[in-house]
Amino acid sequence: MTRPRPIVVIDTSVFLKDAMSPTHTGAASQILAILPAIATIVMCDEIRQEILEKFSEILGWTEKQVLTTYGPVL
């Protein structure tokens, strides 16, 4: 019998730290790289919208850029 996968909620700050990292080797980047393989990621619509808004505000990214980069996680 297989065990159920852990459920994880990721906050907007994890995505921003990864996006602003020049090397993508910090804890935020490692979390985003490994989680899809080992856990079920749960994200409410409000967090998803906040991610899109903050990336636009802080980094000037379009929704398409965010989804291209983080689509599998979002």
PDB file of N, CA and C in Angstrom:
ATOM      1  N   MET A   1       0.841  -1.177   0.000  1.00  0.00           N
ATOM      2  CA  MET A   1       0.000   0.000   0.000  1.00  0.00           C
ATOM      3  C   MET A   1       0.892   1.247   0.000  1.00  0.00           C
ATOM      4  N   THR A   2       0.571   2.206  -0.860  1.00  0.00           N
ATOM      5  CA  THR A   2       1.366   3.425  -0.916  1.00  0.00           C
ATOM      6  C   THR A   2       0.827   4.450   0.074  1.00  0.00           C
ATOM      7  N   ARG A   3       1.730   5.209   0.606  1.00  0.00           N
ATOM      8  CA  ARG A   3       1.347   6.276   1.536  1.00  0.00           C
ATOM      9  C   ARG A   3       0.839   7.476   0.760  1.00  0.00           C
ATOM     10  N   PRO A   4      -0.097   8.215   1.339  1.00  0.00           N
ATOM     11  CA  PRO A   4      -0.516   9.453   0.679  1.00  0.00           C
ATOM     12  C   PRO A   4       0.630  10.460   0.685  1.00  0.00           C
ATOM     13  N   ARG A   5       0.679  11.268  -0.362  1.00  0.00           N
ATOM     14  CA  ARG A   5       1.721  12.293  -0.443  1.00  0.00           C
ATOM     15  C   ARG A   5       1.433  13.408   0.547  1.00  0.00           C
ATOM     16  N   PRO A   6       2.479  13.996   1.132  1.00  0.00           N
ATOM     17  CA  PRO A   6       2.262  15.143   2.024  1.00  0.00           C
ATOM     18  C   PRO A   6       1.627  16.302   1.254  1.00  0.00           C
ATOM     19  N   ILE A   7       0.888  17.117   1.944  1.00  0.00           N
ATOM     20  CA  ILE A   7       0.276  18.312   1.362  1.00  0.00           C
ATOM     21  C   ILE A   7       1.051  19.519   1.857  1.00  0.00           C
ATOM     22  N   VAL A   8       1.437  20.401   0.932  1.00  0.00           N
ATOM     23  CA  VAL A   8       2.266  21.555   1.270  1.00  0.00           C
ATOM     24  C   VAL A   8       1.628  22.820   0.708  1.00  0.00           C
ATOM     25  N   VAL A   9       1.611  23.864   1.506  1.00  0.00           N
ATOM     26  CA  VAL A   9       1.159  25.181   1.065  1.00  0.00           C
ATOM     27  C   VAL A   9       2.400  26.061   0.941  1.00  0.00           C
ATOM     28  N   ILE A  10       2.566  26.703  -0.209  1.00  0.00           N
ATOM     29  CA  ILE A  10       3.738  27.554  -0.450  1.00  0.00           C
ATOM     30  C   ILE A  10       3.285  29.010  -0.470  1.00  0.00           C
ATOM     31  N   ASP A  11       3.991  29.847   0.243  1.00  0.00           N
ATOM     32  CA  ASP A  11       3.680  31.272   0.321  1.00  0.00           C
ATOM     33  C   ASP A  11       4.346  32.031  -0.826  1.00  0.00           C
ATOM     34  N   THR A  12       3.824  33.196  -1.112  1.00  0.00           N
ATOM     35  CA  THR A  12       4.350  34.057  -2.178  1.00  0.00           C
ATOM     36  C   THR A  12       5.832  34.355  -2.002  1.00  0.00           C
ATOM     37  N   SER A  13       6.279  34.533  -0.780  1.00  0.00           N
ATOM     38  CA  SER A  13       7.679  34.902  -0.535  1.00  0.00           C
ATOM     39  C   SER A  13       8.662  33.848  -1.056  1.00  0.00           C
ATOM     40  N   VAL A  14       8.268  32.588  -1.072  1.00  0.00           N
ATOM     41  CA  VAL A  14       9.158  31.535  -1.589  1.00  0.00           C
ATOM     42  C   VAL A  14       9.408  31.757  -3.078  1.00  0.00           C
ATOM     43  N   PHE A  15       8.357  32.064  -3.811  1.00  0.00           N
ATOM     44  CA  PHE A  15       8.486  32.314  -5.247  1.00  0.00           C
ATOM     45  C   PHE A  15       9.335  33.556  -5.515  1.00  0.00           C
ATOM     46  N   LEU A  16       9.092  34.613  -4.756  1.00  0.00           N
ATOM     47  CA  LEU A  16       9.855  35.846  -4.961  1.00  0.00           C
ATOM     48  C   LEU A  16      11.336  35.643  -4.648  1.00  0.00           C
ATOM     49  N   LYS A  17      11.639  34.931  -3.570  1.00  0.00           N
ATOM     50  CA  LYS A  17      13.047  34.683  -3.232  1.00  0.00           C
ATOM     51  C   LYS A  17      13.735  33.891  -4.329  1.00  0.00           C
ATOM     52  N   ASP A  18      13.039  32.913  -4.886  1.00  0.00           N
ATOM     53  CA  ASP A  18      13.624  32.152  -5.985  1.00  0.00           C
ATOM     54  C   ASP A  18      13.848  33.038  -7.201  1.00  0.00           C
ATOM     55  N   ALA A  19      12.847  33.815  -7.563  1.00  0.00           N
ATOM     56  CA  ALA A  19      12.947  34.660  -8.759  1.00  0.00           C
ATOM     57  C   ALA A  19      14.042  35.711  -8.637  1.00  0.00           C
ATOM     58  N   MET A  20      14.281  36.209  -7.440  1.00  0.00           N
ATOM     59  CA  MET A  20      15.290  37.250  -7.240  1.00  0.00           C
ATOM     60  C   MET A  20      16.685  36.686  -6.999  1.00  0.00           C
ATOM     61  N   SER A  21      16.791  35.380  -6.896  1.00  0.00           N
ATOM     62  CA  SER A  21      18.087  34.756  -6.660  1.00  0.00           C
ATOM     63  C   SER A  21      18.881  34.652  -7.962  1.00  0.00           C
ATOM     64  N   PRO A  22      20.094  35.191  -7.996  1.00  0.00           N
ATOM     65  CA  PRO A  22      20.890  35.094  -9.228  1.00  0.00           C
ATOM     66  C   PRO A  22      21.361  33.669  -9.522  1.00  0.00           C
ATOM     67  N   THR A  23      21.498  32.854  -8.505  1.00  0.00           N
ATOM     68  CA  THR A  23      22.024  31.498  -8.721  1.00  0.00           C
ATOM     69  C   THR A  23      20.976  30.402  -8.580  1.00  0.00           C
ATOM     70  N   HIS A  24      19.842  30.710  -8.003  1.00  0.00           N
ATOM     71  CA  HIS A  24      18.765  29.731  -7.779  1.00  0.00           C
ATOM     72  C   HIS A  24      19.256  28.499  -7.030  1.00  0.00           C
ATOM     73  N   THR A  25      20.090  28.730  -6.013  1.00  0.00           N
ATOM     74  CA  THR A  25      20.614  27.618  -5.223  1.00  0.00           C
ATOM     75  C   THR A  25      20.212  27.690  -3.758  1.00  0.00           C
ATOM     76  N   GLY A  26      19.462  28.708  -3.389  1.00  0.00           N
ATOM     77  CA  GLY A  26      19.052  28.870  -1.994  1.00  0.00           C
ATOM     78  C   GLY A  26      17.904  27.947  -1.621  1.00  0.00           C
ATOM     79  N   ALA A  27      17.478  28.067  -0.389  1.00  0.00           N
ATOM     80  CA  ALA A  27      16.427  27.202   0.137  1.00  0.00           C
ATOM     81  C   ALA A  27      15.124  27.315  -0.664  1.00  0.00           C
ATOM     82  N   ALA A  28      14.731  28.531  -1.034  1.00  0.00           N
ATOM     83  CA  ALA A  28      13.484  28.708  -1.791  1.00  0.00           C
ATOM     84  C   ALA A  28      13.550  27.965  -3.125  1.00  0.00           C
ATOM     85  N   SER A  29      14.658  28.084  -3.813  1.00  0.00           N
ATOM     86  CA  SER A  29      14.819  27.410  -5.106  1.00  0.00           C
ATOM     87  C   SER A  29      14.818  25.898  -4.939  1.00  0.00           C
ATOM     88  N   GLN A  30      15.461  25.420  -3.888  1.00  0.00           N
ATOM     89  CA  GLN A  30      15.498  23.979  -3.641  1.00  0.00           C
ATOM     90  C   GLN A  30      14.106  23.443  -3.322  1.00  0.00           C
ATOM     91  N   ILE A  31      13.348  24.198  -2.545  1.00  0.00           N
ATOM     92  CA  ILE A  31      11.977  23.787  -2.220  1.00  0.00           C
ATOM     93  C   ILE A  31      11.143  23.682  -3.489  1.00  0.00           C
ATOM     94  N   LEU A  32      11.202  24.697  -4.331  1.00  0.00           N
ATOM     95  CA  LEU A  32      10.402  24.691  -5.555  1.00  0.00           C
ATOM     96  C   LEU A  32      10.835  23.594  -6.520  1.00  0.00           C
ATOM     97  N   ALA A  33      12.103  23.231  -6.492  1.00  0.00           N
ATOM     98  CA  ALA A  33      12.594  22.183  -7.384  1.00  0.00           C
ATOM     99  C   ALA A  33      12.156  20.794  -6.935  1.00  0.00           C
ATOM    100  N   ILE A  34      12.141  20.550  -5.656  1.00  0.00           N
ATOM    101  CA  ILE A  34      11.893  19.194  -5.149  1.00  0.00           C
ATOM    102  C   ILE A  34      10.420  18.907  -4.845  1.00  0.00           C
ATOM    103  N   LEU A  35       9.678  19.908  -4.404  1.00  0.00           N
ATOM    104  CA  LEU A  35       8.314  19.656  -3.932  1.00  0.00           C
ATOM    105  C   LEU A  35       7.382  18.968  -4.924  1.00  0.00           C
ATOM    106  N   PRO A  36       7.361  19.357  -6.194  1.00  0.00           N
ATOM    107  CA  PRO A  36       6.418  18.688  -7.095  1.00  0.00           C
ATOM    108  C   PRO A  36       6.615  17.167  -7.176  1.00  0.00           C
ATOM    109  N   ALA A  37       7.823  16.714  -6.921  1.00  0.00           N
ATOM    110  CA  ALA A  37       8.103  15.281  -7.007  1.00  0.00           C
ATOM    111  C   ALA A  37       7.708  14.520  -5.743  1.00  0.00           C
ATOM    112  N   ILE A  38       7.625  15.217  -4.613  1.00  0.00           N
ATOM    113  CA  ILE A  38       7.417  14.493  -3.360  1.00  0.00           C
ATOM    114  C   ILE A  38       6.150  14.875  -2.605  1.00  0.00           C
ATOM    115  N   ALA A  39       5.448  15.903  -3.056  1.00  0.00           N
ATOM    116  CA  ALA A  39       4.290  16.366  -2.303  1.00  0.00           C
ATOM    117  C   ALA A  39       3.203  16.870  -3.240  1.00  0.00           C
ATOM    118  N   THR A  40       2.021  16.977  -2.694  1.00  0.00           N
ATOM    119  CA  THR A  40       0.925  17.629  -3.391  1.00  0.00           C
ATOM    120  C   THR A  40       0.921  19.071  -2.921  1.00  0.00           C
ATOM    121  N   ILE A  41       1.065  19.986  -3.865  1.00  0.00           N
ATOM    122  CA  ILE A  41       1.114  21.401  -3.516  1.00  0.00           C
ATOM    123  C   ILE A  41      -0.302  21.960  -3.554  1.00  0.00           C
ATOM    124  N   VAL A  42      -0.675  22.634  -2.473  1.00  0.00           N
ATOM    125  CA  VAL A  42      -1.995  23.217  -2.374  1.00  0.00           C
ATOM    126  C   VAL A  42      -1.840  24.732  -2.375  1.00  0.00           C
ATOM    127  N   MET A  43      -2.587  25.380  -3.259  1.00  0.00           N
ATOM    128  CA  MET A  43      -2.495  26.827  -3.342  1.00  0.00           C
ATOM    129  C   MET A  43      -3.883  27.389  -3.597  1.00  0.00           C
ATOM    130  N   CYS A  44      -4.315  28.283  -2.745  1.00  0.00           N
ATOM    131  CA  CYS A  44      -5.627  28.892  -2.947  1.00  0.00           C
ATOM    132  C   CYS A  44      -5.531  29.955  -4.039  1.00  0.00           C
ATOM    133  N   ASP A  45      -6.684  30.314  -4.555  1.00  0.00           N
ATOM    134  CA  ASP A  45      -6.725  31.324  -5.617  1.00  0.00           C
ATOM    135  C   ASP A  45      -6.143  32.655  -5.163  1.00  0.00           C
ATOM    136  N   GLU A  46      -6.328  32.992  -3.886  1.00  0.00           N
ATOM    137  CA  GLU A  46      -5.815  34.262  -3.373  1.00  0.00           C
ATOM    138  C   GLU A  46      -4.284  34.311  -3.405  1.00  0.00           C
ATOM    139  N   ILE A  47      -3.630  33.217  -3.052  1.00  0.00           N
ATOM    140  CA  ILE A  47      -2.162  33.192  -3.101  1.00  0.00           C
ATOM    141  C   ILE A  47      -1.689  33.233  -4.548  1.00  0.00           C
ATOM    142  N   ARG A  48      -2.347  32.482  -5.409  1.00  0.00           N
ATOM    143  CA  ARG A  48      -1.982  32.490  -6.832  1.00  0.00           C
ATOM    144  C   ARG A  48      -2.094  33.904  -7.396  1.00  0.00           C
ATOM    145  N   GLN A  49      -3.174  34.610  -7.065  1.00  0.00           N
ATOM    146  CA  GLN A  49      -3.359  35.979  -7.541  1.00  0.00           C
ATOM    147  C   GLN A  49      -2.314  36.918  -6.943  1.00  0.00           C
ATOM    148  N   GLU A  50      -2.013  36.721  -5.662  1.00  0.00           N
ATOM    149  CA  GLU A  50      -0.988  37.544  -5.016  1.00  0.00           C
ATOM    150  C   GLU A  50       0.367  37.350  -5.691  1.00  0.00           C
ATOM    151  N   ILE A  51       0.691  36.128  -6.052  1.00  0.00           N
ATOM    152  CA  ILE A  51       1.950  35.853  -6.756  1.00  0.00           C
ATOM    153  C   ILE A  51       1.994  36.639  -8.060  1.00  0.00           C
ATOM    154  N   LEU A  52       0.929  36.579  -8.838  1.00  0.00           N
ATOM    155  CA  LEU A  52       0.897  37.299 -10.114  1.00  0.00           C
ATOM    156  C   LEU A  52       1.027  38.807  -9.892  1.00  0.00           C
ATOM    157  N   GLU A  53       0.341  39.334  -8.887  1.00  0.00           N
ATOM    158  CA  GLU A  53       0.406  40.773  -8.605  1.00  0.00           C
ATOM    159  C   GLU A  53       1.790  41.202  -8.132  1.00  0.00           C
ATOM    160  N   LYS A  54       2.371  40.462  -7.198  1.00  0.00           N
ATOM    161  CA  LYS A  54       3.684  40.828  -6.652  1.00  0.00           C
ATOM    162  C   LYS A  54       4.777  40.726  -7.707  1.00  0.00           C
ATOM    163  N   PHE A  55       4.722  39.717  -8.547  1.00  0.00           N
ATOM    164  CA  PHE A  55       5.722  39.591  -9.602  1.00  0.00           C
ATOM    165  C   PHE A  55       5.625  40.744 -10.583  1.00  0.00           C
ATOM    166  N   SER A  56       4.411  41.183 -10.858  1.00  0.00           N
ATOM    167  CA  SER A  56       4.222  42.338 -11.734  1.00  0.00           C
ATOM    168  C   SER A  56       4.740  43.607 -11.070  1.00  0.00           C
ATOM    169  N   GLU A  57       4.347  43.816  -9.814  1.00  0.00           N
ATOM    170  CA  GLU A  57       4.753  45.007  -9.047  1.00  0.00           C
ATOM    171  C   GLU A  57       6.257  45.099  -8.829  1.00  0.00           C
ATOM    172  N   ILE A  58       6.817  44.030  -8.302  1.00  0.00           N
ATOM    173  CA  ILE A  58       8.208  44.048  -7.850  1.00  0.00           C
ATOM    174  C   ILE A  58       9.200  43.774  -8.970  1.00  0.00           C
ATOM    175  N   LEU A  59       8.861  42.819  -9.842  1.00  0.00           N
ATOM    176  CA  LEU A  59       9.827  42.397 -10.868  1.00  0.00           C
ATOM    177  C   LEU A  59       9.454  42.815 -12.287  1.00  0.00           C
ATOM    178  N   GLY A  60       8.226  43.317 -12.461  1.00  0.00           N
ATOM    179  CA  GLY A  60       7.788  43.715 -13.794  1.00  0.00           C
ATOM    180  C   GLY A  60       7.474  42.538 -14.701  1.00  0.00           C
ATOM    181  N   TRP A  61       7.244  41.359 -14.120  1.00  0.00           N
ATOM    182  CA  TRP A  61       6.949  40.172 -14.916  1.00  0.00           C
ATOM    183  C   TRP A  61       5.491  40.190 -15.366  1.00  0.00           C
ATOM    184  N   THR A  62       5.246  39.621 -16.550  1.00  0.00           N
ATOM    185  CA  THR A  62       3.880  39.432 -17.020  1.00  0.00           C
ATOM    186  C   THR A  62       3.352  38.105 -16.468  1.00  0.00           C
ATOM    187  N   GLU A  63       2.064  37.930 -16.547  1.00  0.00           N
ATOM    188  CA  GLU A  63       1.459  36.671 -16.111  1.00  0.00           C
ATOM    189  C   GLU A  63       2.053  35.497 -16.897  1.00  0.00           C
ATOM    190  N   LYS A  64       2.283  35.706 -18.178  1.00  0.00           N
ATOM    191  CA  LYS A  64       2.861  34.639 -19.013  1.00  0.00           C
ATOM    192  C   LYS A  64       4.257  34.243 -18.512  1.00  0.00           C
ATOM    193  N   GLN A  65       5.074  35.228 -18.124  1.00  0.00           N
ATOM    194  CA  GLN A  65       6.415  34.919 -17.603  1.00  0.00           C
ATOM    195  C   GLN A  65       6.331  34.101 -16.317  1.00  0.00           C
ATOM    196  N   VAL A  66       5.408  34.480 -15.442  1.00  0.00           N
ATOM    197  CA  VAL A  66       5.246  33.753 -14.179  1.00  0.00           C
ATOM    198  C   VAL A  66       4.819  32.322 -14.469  1.00  0.00           C
ATOM    199  N   LEU A  67       3.832  32.149 -15.325  1.00  0.00           N
ATOM    200  CA  LEU A  67       3.326  30.809 -15.619  1.00  0.00           C
ATOM    201  C   LEU A  67       4.347  29.960 -16.369  1.00  0.00           C
ATOM    202  N   THR A  68       5.133  30.590 -17.226  1.00  0.00           N
ATOM    203  CA  THR A  68       6.185  29.843 -17.930  1.00  0.00           C
ATOM    204  C   THR A  68       7.229  29.337 -16.956  1.00  0.00           C
ATOM    205  N   THR A  69       7.574  30.149 -15.987  1.00  0.00           N
ATOM    206  CA  THR A  69       8.603  29.785 -15.012  1.00  0.00           C
ATOM    207  C   THR A  69       8.085  28.858 -13.931  1.00  0.00           C
ATOM    208  N   TYR A  70       6.898  29.119 -13.426  1.00  0.00           N
ATOM    209  CA  TYR A  70       6.381  28.390 -12.266  1.00  0.00           C
ATOM    210  C   TYR A  70       5.113  27.588 -12.542  1.00  0.00           C
ATOM    211  N   GLY A  71       4.738  27.463 -13.787  1.00  0.00           N
ATOM    212  CA  GLY A  71       3.501  26.770 -14.152  1.00  0.00           C
ATOM    213  C   GLY A  71       3.293  25.419 -13.503  1.00  0.00           C
ATOM    214  N   PRO A  72       4.304  24.530 -13.517  1.00  0.00           N
ATOM    215  CA  PRO A  72       4.087  23.215 -12.905  1.00  0.00           C
ATOM    216  C   PRO A  72       3.772  23.291 -11.404  1.00  0.00           C
ATOM    217  N   VAL A  73       4.283  24.299 -10.735  1.00  0.00           N
ATOM    218  CA  VAL A  73       4.026  24.433  -9.307  1.00  0.00           C
ATOM    219  C   VAL A  73       2.704  25.155  -9.067  1.00  0.00           C
ATOM    220  N   LEU A  74       2.433  26.152  -9.896  1.00  0.00           N
ATOM    221  CA  LEU A  74       1.192  26.916  -9.715  1.00  0.00           C
ATOM    222  C   LEU A  74      -0.002  26.107 -10.163  1.00  0.00           C
TER     223      LEU A  74
END
